[in-house]
Amino acid sequence: MTKAALIGKRIRLLRMERNLHQGDVAEASGISRSHLSKIESGKVENPGLFTLERIAKALKVSISYLLHFDERSLKKRILEVEKRKKEQRRKKEVLELREKEIRRLKKELKKLEKKR
């Protein structure tokens, strides 16, 4: 994996850990969302120090933290964040199903009350 790709993955990981969208970070750093997307995907081979400084500031980390990485630990953290996001989506789906069931039961209760 190239250094640019590792930097991009680290940016994406930090963004996901902070529950931020690309648009949030792009706006805070003063770059376009599409440019940030290209950086995160490793398509920008040399994003430039000024750009990386602005992204680091938007993510509330130092640029040295942004640039210092260990590929193995980075991959592990990415998997952990993705697992956490998946669990959050699952919990949200369960809550939505419960809310739907509550609405259905309320309707049934109203029907029973009208029959009285």
N, C-alpha and C. Protein backbone atom coordinates (compact mmCIF):
# COMPACT_ATOMS: atom_id res chain seq x y z
N MET A 1 0.85 -1.18 0.00
CA MET A 1 0.00 0.00 0.00
C MET A 1 0.90 1.24 0.00
N THR A 2 0.57 2.21 -0.82
CA THR A 2 1.38 3.42 -0.91
C THR A 2 1.19 4.29 0.33
N LYS A 3 2.12 5.20 0.54
CA LYS A 3 1.99 6.11 1.68
C LYS A 3 0.77 7.00 1.54
N ALA A 4 0.49 7.42 0.31
CA ALA A 4 -0.70 8.25 0.09
C ALA A 4 -1.96 7.49 0.46
N ALA A 5 -2.01 6.21 0.12
CA ALA A 5 -3.19 5.40 0.46
C ALA A 5 -3.30 5.23 1.97
N LEU A 6 -2.17 5.04 2.65
CA LEU A 6 -2.20 4.89 4.11
C LEU A 6 -2.63 6.19 4.79
N ILE A 7 -2.15 7.31 4.29
CA ILE A 7 -2.57 8.59 4.84
C ILE A 7 -4.08 8.78 4.63
N GLY A 8 -4.54 8.44 3.44
CA GLY A 8 -5.97 8.55 3.15
C GLY A 8 -6.80 7.68 4.07
N LYS A 9 -6.35 6.45 4.30
CA LYS A 9 -7.07 5.55 5.20
C LYS A 9 -7.08 6.09 6.63
N ARG A 10 -5.96 6.67 7.03
CA ARG A 10 -5.90 7.24 8.39
C ARG A 10 -6.87 8.42 8.52
N ILE A 11 -6.93 9.26 7.50
CA ILE A 11 -7.88 10.38 7.53
C ILE A 11 -9.31 9.85 7.62
N ARG A 12 -9.62 8.86 6.80
CA ARG A 12 -10.97 8.28 6.81
C ARG A 12 -11.29 7.69 8.18
N LEU A 13 -10.33 6.97 8.75
CA LEU A 13 -10.53 6.37 10.06
C LEU A 13 -10.79 7.43 11.13
N LEU A 14 -9.98 8.46 11.15
CA LEU A 14 -10.18 9.54 12.13
C LEU A 14 -11.54 10.19 11.95
N ARG A 15 -11.92 10.40 10.70
CA ARG A 15 -13.22 11.01 10.41
C ARG A 15 -14.36 10.12 10.91
N MET A 16 -14.24 8.82 10.65
CA MET A 16 -15.28 7.89 11.09
C MET A 16 -15.34 7.78 12.62
N GLU A 17 -14.18 7.78 13.26
CA GLU A 17 -14.14 7.72 14.72
C GLU A 17 -14.84 8.92 15.34
N ARG A 18 -14.81 10.04 14.66
CA ARG A 18 -15.43 11.25 15.16
C ARG A 18 -16.86 11.44 14.64
N ASN A 19 -17.37 10.44 13.94
CA ASN A 19 -18.72 10.48 13.38
C ASN A 19 -18.94 11.71 12.50
N LEU A 20 -17.95 11.99 11.66
CA LEU A 20 -18.05 13.11 10.75
C LEU A 20 -18.23 12.62 9.32
N HIS A 21 -18.94 13.39 8.53
CA HIS A 21 -19.08 13.10 7.11
C HIS A 21 -17.97 13.79 6.35
N GLN A 22 -17.73 13.34 5.14
CA GLN A 22 -16.69 13.99 4.33
C GLN A 22 -16.97 15.48 4.17
N GLY A 23 -18.22 15.82 3.98
CA GLY A 23 -18.58 17.22 3.82
C GLY A 23 -18.23 18.06 5.04
N ASP A 24 -18.37 17.48 6.24
CA ASP A 24 -18.03 18.19 7.47
C ASP A 24 -16.54 18.54 7.50
N VAL A 25 -15.71 17.54 7.21
CA VAL A 25 -14.26 17.73 7.25
C VAL A 25 -13.81 18.64 6.11
N ALA A 26 -14.41 18.44 4.95
CA ALA A 26 -14.05 19.26 3.79
C ALA A 26 -14.36 20.73 4.08
N GLU A 27 -15.52 21.00 4.62
CA GLU A 27 -15.90 22.38 4.91
C GLU A 27 -14.98 22.99 5.98
N ALA A 28 -14.70 22.21 7.03
CA ALA A 28 -13.85 22.72 8.11
C ALA A 28 -12.41 22.95 7.65
N SER A 29 -11.98 22.19 6.65
CA SER A 29 -10.61 22.32 6.19
C SER A 29 -10.49 23.22 4.96
N GLY A 30 -11.62 23.62 4.39
CA GLY A 30 -11.59 24.53 3.25
C GLY A 30 -11.21 23.87 1.94
N ILE A 31 -11.47 22.57 1.82
CA ILE A 31 -11.24 21.88 0.54
C ILE A 31 -12.56 21.29 0.08
N SER A 32 -12.62 20.87 -1.17
CA SER A 32 -13.88 20.30 -1.68
C SER A 32 -14.05 18.87 -1.17
N ARG A 33 -15.30 18.46 -1.08
CA ARG A 33 -15.59 17.10 -0.63
C ARG A 33 -15.00 16.09 -1.60
N SER A 34 -15.06 16.38 -2.89
CA SER A 34 -14.54 15.44 -3.88
C SER A 34 -13.02 15.30 -3.74
N HIS A 35 -12.33 16.40 -3.43
CA HIS A 35 -10.88 16.33 -3.23
C HIS A 35 -10.55 15.49 -1.99
N LEU A 36 -11.32 15.70 -0.93
CA LEU A 36 -11.12 14.89 0.29
C LEU A 36 -11.37 13.42 -0.01
N SER A 37 -12.40 13.14 -0.79
CA SER A 37 -12.70 11.76 -1.17
C SER A 37 -11.53 11.12 -1.91
N LYS A 38 -10.94 11.88 -2.82
CA LYS A 38 -9.79 11.37 -3.57
C LYS A 38 -8.59 11.15 -2.66
N ILE A 39 -8.39 12.03 -1.69
CA ILE A 39 -7.29 11.86 -0.74
C ILE A 39 -7.53 10.60 0.09
N GLU A 40 -8.76 10.44 0.61
CA GLU A 40 -9.08 9.27 1.43
C GLU A 40 -8.91 7.97 0.65
N SER A 41 -9.21 7.97 -0.62
CA SER A 41 -9.10 6.75 -1.41
C SER A 41 -7.70 6.51 -1.95
N GLY A 42 -6.78 7.45 -1.68
CA GLY A 42 -5.40 7.29 -2.11
C GLY A 42 -5.15 7.67 -3.56
N LYS A 43 -6.13 8.32 -4.18
CA LYS A 43 -6.00 8.70 -5.59
C LYS A 43 -5.14 9.95 -5.77
N VAL A 44 -4.93 10.69 -4.68
CA VAL A 44 -4.06 11.86 -4.73
C VAL A 44 -2.71 11.42 -4.16
N GLU A 45 -1.73 11.32 -5.03
CA GLU A 45 -0.41 10.82 -4.61
C GLU A 45 0.31 11.76 -3.66
N ASN A 46 0.13 13.07 -3.84
CA ASN A 46 0.81 14.04 -3.00
C ASN A 46 -0.17 15.14 -2.64
N PRO A 47 -0.94 14.95 -1.56
CA PRO A 47 -1.97 15.94 -1.22
C PRO A 47 -1.42 17.30 -0.80
N GLY A 48 -0.17 17.38 -0.46
CA GLY A 48 0.43 18.66 -0.08
C GLY A 48 0.35 18.89 1.41
N LEU A 49 1.41 19.44 1.94
CA LEU A 49 1.52 19.68 3.37
C LEU A 49 0.45 20.64 3.87
N PHE A 50 0.20 21.72 3.11
CA PHE A 50 -0.80 22.70 3.53
C PHE A 50 -2.19 22.06 3.64
N THR A 51 -2.53 21.25 2.65
CA THR A 51 -3.83 20.55 2.67
C THR A 51 -3.91 19.60 3.85
N LEU A 52 -2.85 18.83 4.08
CA LEU A 52 -2.85 17.88 5.19
C LEU A 52 -2.91 18.60 6.54
N GLU A 53 -2.27 19.76 6.64
CA GLU A 53 -2.35 20.55 7.87
C GLU A 53 -3.79 20.98 8.14
N ARG A 54 -4.47 21.42 7.10
CA ARG A 54 -5.86 21.87 7.25
C ARG A 54 -6.77 20.70 7.62
N ILE A 55 -6.54 19.54 7.01
CA ILE A 55 -7.35 18.35 7.34
C ILE A 55 -7.08 17.94 8.78
N ALA A 56 -5.80 17.93 9.18
CA ALA A 56 -5.44 17.56 10.55
C ALA A 56 -6.12 18.50 11.55
N LYS A 57 -6.12 19.79 11.25
CA LYS A 57 -6.77 20.76 12.13
C LYS A 57 -8.27 20.49 12.22
N ALA A 58 -8.89 20.18 11.09
CA ALA A 58 -10.33 19.89 11.08
C ALA A 58 -10.65 18.64 11.90
N LEU A 59 -9.73 17.70 11.92
CA LEU A 59 -9.91 16.45 12.68
C LEU A 59 -9.40 16.57 14.12
N LYS A 60 -8.86 17.75 14.45
CA LYS A 60 -8.35 18.04 15.79
C LYS A 60 -7.21 17.10 16.19
N VAL A 61 -6.28 16.90 15.26
CA VAL A 61 -5.06 16.14 15.53
C VAL A 61 -3.89 16.93 14.97
N SER A 62 -2.70 16.57 15.42
CA SER A 62 -1.52 17.22 14.85
C SER A 62 -1.20 16.58 13.51
N ILE A 63 -0.49 17.31 12.68
CA ILE A 63 -0.11 16.75 11.38
C ILE A 63 0.83 15.57 11.57
N SER A 64 1.66 15.61 12.62
CA SER A 64 2.56 14.47 12.86
C SER A 64 1.76 13.22 13.21
N TYR A 65 0.67 13.39 13.96
CA TYR A 65 -0.20 12.25 14.26
C TYR A 65 -0.83 11.71 12.98
N LEU A 66 -1.22 12.61 12.13
CA LEU A 66 -1.84 12.22 10.86
C LEU A 66 -0.87 11.44 9.98
N LEU A 67 0.39 11.84 10.01
CA LEU A 67 1.38 11.22 9.12
C LEU A 67 2.07 10.00 9.73
N HIS A 68 1.99 9.82 11.03
CA HIS A 68 2.64 8.69 11.67
C HIS A 68 1.67 7.51 11.69
N PHE A 69 2.08 6.42 11.09
CA PHE A 69 1.20 5.27 11.04
C PHE A 69 1.97 3.97 10.96
N ASP A 70 1.31 2.96 11.39
CA ASP A 70 1.79 1.59 11.28
C ASP A 70 0.70 0.85 10.52
N GLU A 71 1.01 0.30 9.37
CA GLU A 71 0.00 -0.28 8.50
C GLU A 71 -0.84 -1.34 9.21
N ARG A 72 -0.20 -2.20 9.98
CA ARG A 72 -0.93 -3.28 10.66
C ARG A 72 -1.93 -2.72 11.67
N SER A 73 -1.47 -1.79 12.51
CA SER A 73 -2.37 -1.23 13.53
C SER A 73 -3.47 -0.39 12.88
N LEU A 74 -3.14 0.26 11.76
CA LEU A 74 -4.14 1.05 11.06
C LEU A 74 -5.26 0.14 10.53
N LYS A 75 -4.88 -0.97 9.93
CA LYS A 75 -5.89 -1.91 9.42
C LYS A 75 -6.76 -2.43 10.56
N LYS A 76 -6.14 -2.73 11.70
CA LYS A 76 -6.89 -3.23 12.86
C LYS A 76 -7.89 -2.18 13.34
N ARG A 77 -7.46 -0.92 13.42
CA ARG A 77 -8.37 0.14 13.86
C ARG A 77 -9.51 0.35 12.88
N ILE A 78 -9.20 0.24 11.58
CA ILE A 78 -10.25 0.39 10.58
C ILE A 78 -11.31 -0.69 10.77
N LEU A 79 -10.88 -1.91 10.97
CA LEU A 79 -11.83 -3.01 11.19
C LEU A 79 -12.66 -2.77 12.45
N GLU A 80 -12.04 -2.26 13.50
CA GLU A 80 -12.77 -1.98 14.74
C GLU A 80 -13.82 -0.91 14.53
N VAL A 81 -13.46 0.15 13.82
CA VAL A 81 -14.41 1.25 13.57
C VAL A 81 -15.56 0.75 12.69
N GLU A 82 -15.24 -0.01 11.66
CA GLU A 82 -16.29 -0.54 10.78
C GLU A 82 -17.22 -1.48 11.54
N LYS A 83 -16.66 -2.27 12.45
CA LYS A 83 -17.47 -3.17 13.28
C LYS A 83 -18.41 -2.37 14.19
N ARG A 84 -17.87 -1.30 14.77
CA ARG A 84 -18.68 -0.44 15.63
C ARG A 84 -19.81 0.22 14.85
N LYS A 85 -19.49 0.71 13.63
CA LYS A 85 -20.52 1.33 12.79
C LYS A 85 -21.61 0.33 12.43
N LYS A 86 -21.20 -0.89 12.12
CA LYS A 86 -22.16 -1.94 11.77
C LYS A 86 -23.08 -2.23 12.96
N GLU A 87 -22.51 -2.28 14.15
CA GLU A 87 -23.30 -2.52 15.35
C GLU A 87 -24.27 -1.36 15.60
N GLN A 88 -23.82 -0.13 15.36
CA GLN A 88 -24.70 1.02 15.52
C GLN A 88 -25.88 0.95 14.55
N ARG A 89 -25.60 0.55 13.29
CA ARG A 89 -26.68 0.41 12.31
C ARG A 89 -27.67 -0.68 12.73
N ARG A 90 -27.13 -1.79 13.26
CA ARG A 90 -27.99 -2.88 13.71
C ARG A 90 -28.89 -2.42 14.86
N LYS A 91 -28.32 -1.68 15.81
CA LYS A 91 -29.12 -1.18 16.93
C LYS A 91 -30.19 -0.21 16.44
N LYS A 92 -29.84 0.62 15.46
CA LYS A 92 -30.81 1.56 14.91
C LYS A 92 -31.96 0.81 14.25
N GLU A 93 -31.65 -0.25 13.52
CA GLU A 93 -32.69 -1.05 12.88
C GLU A 93 -33.61 -1.68 13.91
N VAL A 94 -33.03 -2.19 15.00
CA VAL A 94 -33.84 -2.79 16.07
C VAL A 94 -34.77 -1.75 16.68
N LEU A 95 -34.25 -0.55 16.94
CA LEU A 95 -35.07 0.52 17.49
C LEU A 95 -36.21 0.90 16.55
N GLU A 96 -35.91 0.97 15.25
CA GLU A 96 -36.94 1.30 14.27
C GLU A 96 -38.03 0.24 14.25
N LEU A 97 -37.64 -1.02 14.34
CA LEU A 97 -38.64 -2.10 14.39
C LEU A 97 -39.49 -2.00 15.64
N ARG A 98 -38.87 -1.69 16.78
CA ARG A 98 -39.63 -1.54 18.03
C ARG A 98 -40.61 -0.38 17.94
N GLU A 99 -40.15 0.74 17.36
CA GLU A 99 -41.03 1.89 17.21
C GLU A 99 -42.20 1.57 16.29
N LYS A 100 -41.94 0.82 15.25
CA LYS A 100 -43.01 0.42 14.33
C LYS A 100 -44.02 -0.47 15.06
N GLU A 101 -43.52 -1.37 15.89
CA GLU A 101 -44.41 -2.26 16.65
C GLU A 101 -45.22 -1.45 17.66
N ILE A 102 -44.63 -0.46 18.28
CA ILE A 102 -45.35 0.39 19.23
C ILE A 102 -46.47 1.14 18.52
N ARG A 103 -46.18 1.70 17.32
CA ARG A 103 -47.23 2.40 16.56
C ARG A 103 -48.36 1.45 16.20
N ARG A 104 -48.03 0.23 15.82
CA ARG A 104 -49.05 -0.76 15.47
C ARG A 104 -49.90 -1.09 16.69
N LEU A 105 -49.28 -1.27 17.84
CA LEU A 105 -50.02 -1.59 19.06
C LEU A 105 -50.91 -0.43 19.49
N LYS A 106 -50.45 0.80 19.30
CA LYS A 106 -51.27 1.97 19.64
C LYS A 106 -52.53 2.01 18.77
N LYS A 107 -52.37 1.69 17.48
CA LYS A 107 -53.53 1.65 16.58
C LYS A 107 -54.52 0.58 17.04
N GLU A 108 -54.01 -0.57 17.39
CA GLU A 108 -54.86 -1.65 17.88
C GLU A 108 -55.60 -1.23 19.14
N LEU A 109 -54.89 -0.55 20.04
CA LEU A 109 -55.50 -0.09 21.27
C LEU A 109 -56.61 0.90 21.00
N LYS A 110 -56.41 1.82 20.05
CA LYS A 110 -57.45 2.78 19.69
C LYS A 110 -58.67 2.08 19.13
N LYS A 111 -58.45 1.08 18.31
CA LYS A 111 -59.57 0.31 17.73
C LYS A 111 -60.36 -0.38 18.86
N LEU A 112 -59.66 -0.96 19.82
CA LEU A 112 -60.34 -1.63 20.94
C LEU A 112 -61.11 -0.64 21.79
N GLU A 113 -60.56 0.54 21.98
CA GLU A 113 -61.23 1.57 22.79
C GLU A 113 -62.49 2.06 22.10
N LYS A 114 -62.47 2.15 20.78
CA LYS A 114 -63.64 2.60 20.02
C LYS A 114 -64.76 1.57 20.09
N LYS A 115 -64.40 0.29 20.15
CA LYS A 115 -65.40 -0.77 20.20
C LYS A 115 -66.14 -0.81 21.53
N ARG A 116 -65.56 -0.22 22.56
CA ARG A 116 -66.20 -0.24 23.89
C ARG A 116 -67.40 0.59 23.91
